C-alpha atoms as a PDB file:
ATOM      1  CA  UNK A   1       9.899  -7.304   6.564  1.00  0.00           C
ATOM      2  CA  UNK A   2       7.838  -5.651   3.846  1.00  0.00           C
ATOM      3  CA  UNK A   3       5.713  -2.515   4.114  1.00  0.00           C
ATOM      4  CA  UNK A   4       2.902  -1.329   1.838  1.00  0.00           C
ATOM      5  CA  UNK A   5       2.949   2.385   1.096  1.00  0.00           C
ATOM      6  CA  UNK A   6       0.623   4.440  -1.060  1.00  0.00           C
ATOM      7  CA  UNK A   7       2.138   6.276  -4.010  1.00  0.00           C
ATOM      8  CA  UNK A   8       1.055   9.947  -4.061  1.00  0.00           C
ATOM      9  CA  UNK A   9      -1.597  10.739  -6.679  1.00  0.00           C
ATOM     10  CA  UNK A  10       0.483  13.649  -7.976  1.00  0.00           C
ATOM     11  CA  UNK A  11       3.141  11.265  -9.306  1.00  0.00           C
ATOM     12  CA  UNK A  12       0.555   9.297 -11.248  1.00  0.00           C
ATOM     13  CA  UNK A  13      -1.044  12.453 -12.635  1.00  0.00           C
ATOM     14  CA  UNK A  14       2.189  14.152 -13.670  1.00  0.00           C
ATOM     15  CA  UNK A  15       3.960  11.208 -15.311  1.00  0.00           C
ATOM     16  CA  UNK A  16       3.506  10.971 -19.073  1.00  0.00           C
ATOM     17  CA  UNK A  17       4.461   7.315 -19.536  1.00  0.00           C
ATOM     18  CA  UNK A  18       5.291   4.197 -17.543  1.00  0.00           C
ATOM     19  CA  UNK A  19       9.066   4.743 -17.578  1.00  0.00           C
ATOM     20  CA  UNK A  20       8.695   8.235 -16.180  1.00  0.00           C
ATOM     21  CA  UNK A  21       6.232   6.968 -13.566  1.00  0.00           C
ATOM     22  CA  UNK A  22       8.675   4.317 -12.319  1.00  0.00           C
ATOM     23  CA  UNK A  23      11.543   6.830 -12.259  1.00  0.00           C
ATOM     24  CA  UNK A  24       9.492   9.334 -10.228  1.00  0.00           C
ATOM     25  CA  UNK A  25       8.315   6.649  -7.776  1.00  0.00           C
ATOM     26  CA  UNK A  26      11.888   5.462  -7.194  1.00  0.00           C
ATOM     27  CA  UNK A  27      13.124   9.008  -6.660  1.00  0.00           C
ATOM     28  CA  UNK A  28      10.263   9.904  -4.339  1.00  0.00           C
ATOM     29  CA  UNK A  29      10.737   6.910  -2.065  1.00  0.00           C
ATOM     30  CA  UNK A  30      14.514   7.168  -2.105  1.00  0.00           C
ATOM     31  CA  UNK A  31      14.278  10.721  -0.774  1.00  0.00           C
ATOM     32  CA  UNK A  32      11.293  10.155   1.545  1.00  0.00           C
ATOM     33  CA  UNK A  33      12.319   6.800   3.019  1.00  0.00           C
ATOM     34  CA  UNK A  34      16.100   6.380   2.678  1.00  0.00           C
ATOM     35  CA  UNK A  35      16.201   3.590   5.299  1.00  0.00           C
ATOM     36  CA  UNK A  36      13.982   1.363   3.117  1.00  0.00           C
ATOM     37  CA  UNK A  37      14.716  -0.403  -0.167  1.00  0.00           C
ATOM     38  CA  UNK A  38      12.149  -0.541  -2.975  1.00  0.00           C
ATOM     39  CA  UNK A  39      11.289  -4.166  -3.744  1.00  0.00           C
ATOM     40  CA  UNK A  40       8.490  -3.793  -6.303  1.00  0.00           C
ATOM     41  CA  UNK A  41       5.680  -1.543  -7.494  1.00  0.00           C
ATOM     42  CA  UNK A  42       2.231  -3.126  -7.606  1.00  0.00           C
ATOM     43  CA  UNK A  43      -1.096  -1.964  -9.050  1.00  0.00           C
ATOM     44  CA  UNK A  44       0.186   1.574  -9.558  1.00  0.00           C
ATOM     45  CA  UNK A  45      -1.012   2.433  -6.074  1.00  0.00           C
ATOM     46  CA  UNK A  46       0.947   0.329  -3.602  1.00  0.00           C
ATOM     47  CA  UNK A  47       4.654  -0.158  -2.957  1.00  0.00           C
ATOM     48  CA  UNK A  48       6.295  -2.904  -1.038  1.00  0.00           C
ATOM     49  CA  UNK A  49       9.521  -2.170   0.744  1.00  0.00           C
ATOM     50  CA  UNK A  50      11.902  -3.813   3.156  1.00  0.00           C
ATOM     51  CA  UNK A  51      14.492  -2.486   5.555  1.00  0.00           C
ATOM     52  CA  UNK A  52      17.960  -1.822   4.145  1.00  0.00           C
ATOM     53  CA  UNK A  53      20.326  -4.634   5.101  1.00  0.00           C
ATOM     54  CA  UNK A  54      23.419  -3.595   7.006  1.00  0.00           C
ATOM     55  CA  UNK A  55      26.664  -5.439   6.614  1.00  0.00           C
END
């Protein structure tokens, strides 16, 4: 199952380039939602995630 989550505006404002933006988004969601796995970043405002598979 995938979830859409809004990326905080602060991350977009503070990042200086696209690589830094992606790194900050990954770090933010890894610490905020450890039970979910980042699938992709879309439109610089929405994330799609799915539950971490156990096994």
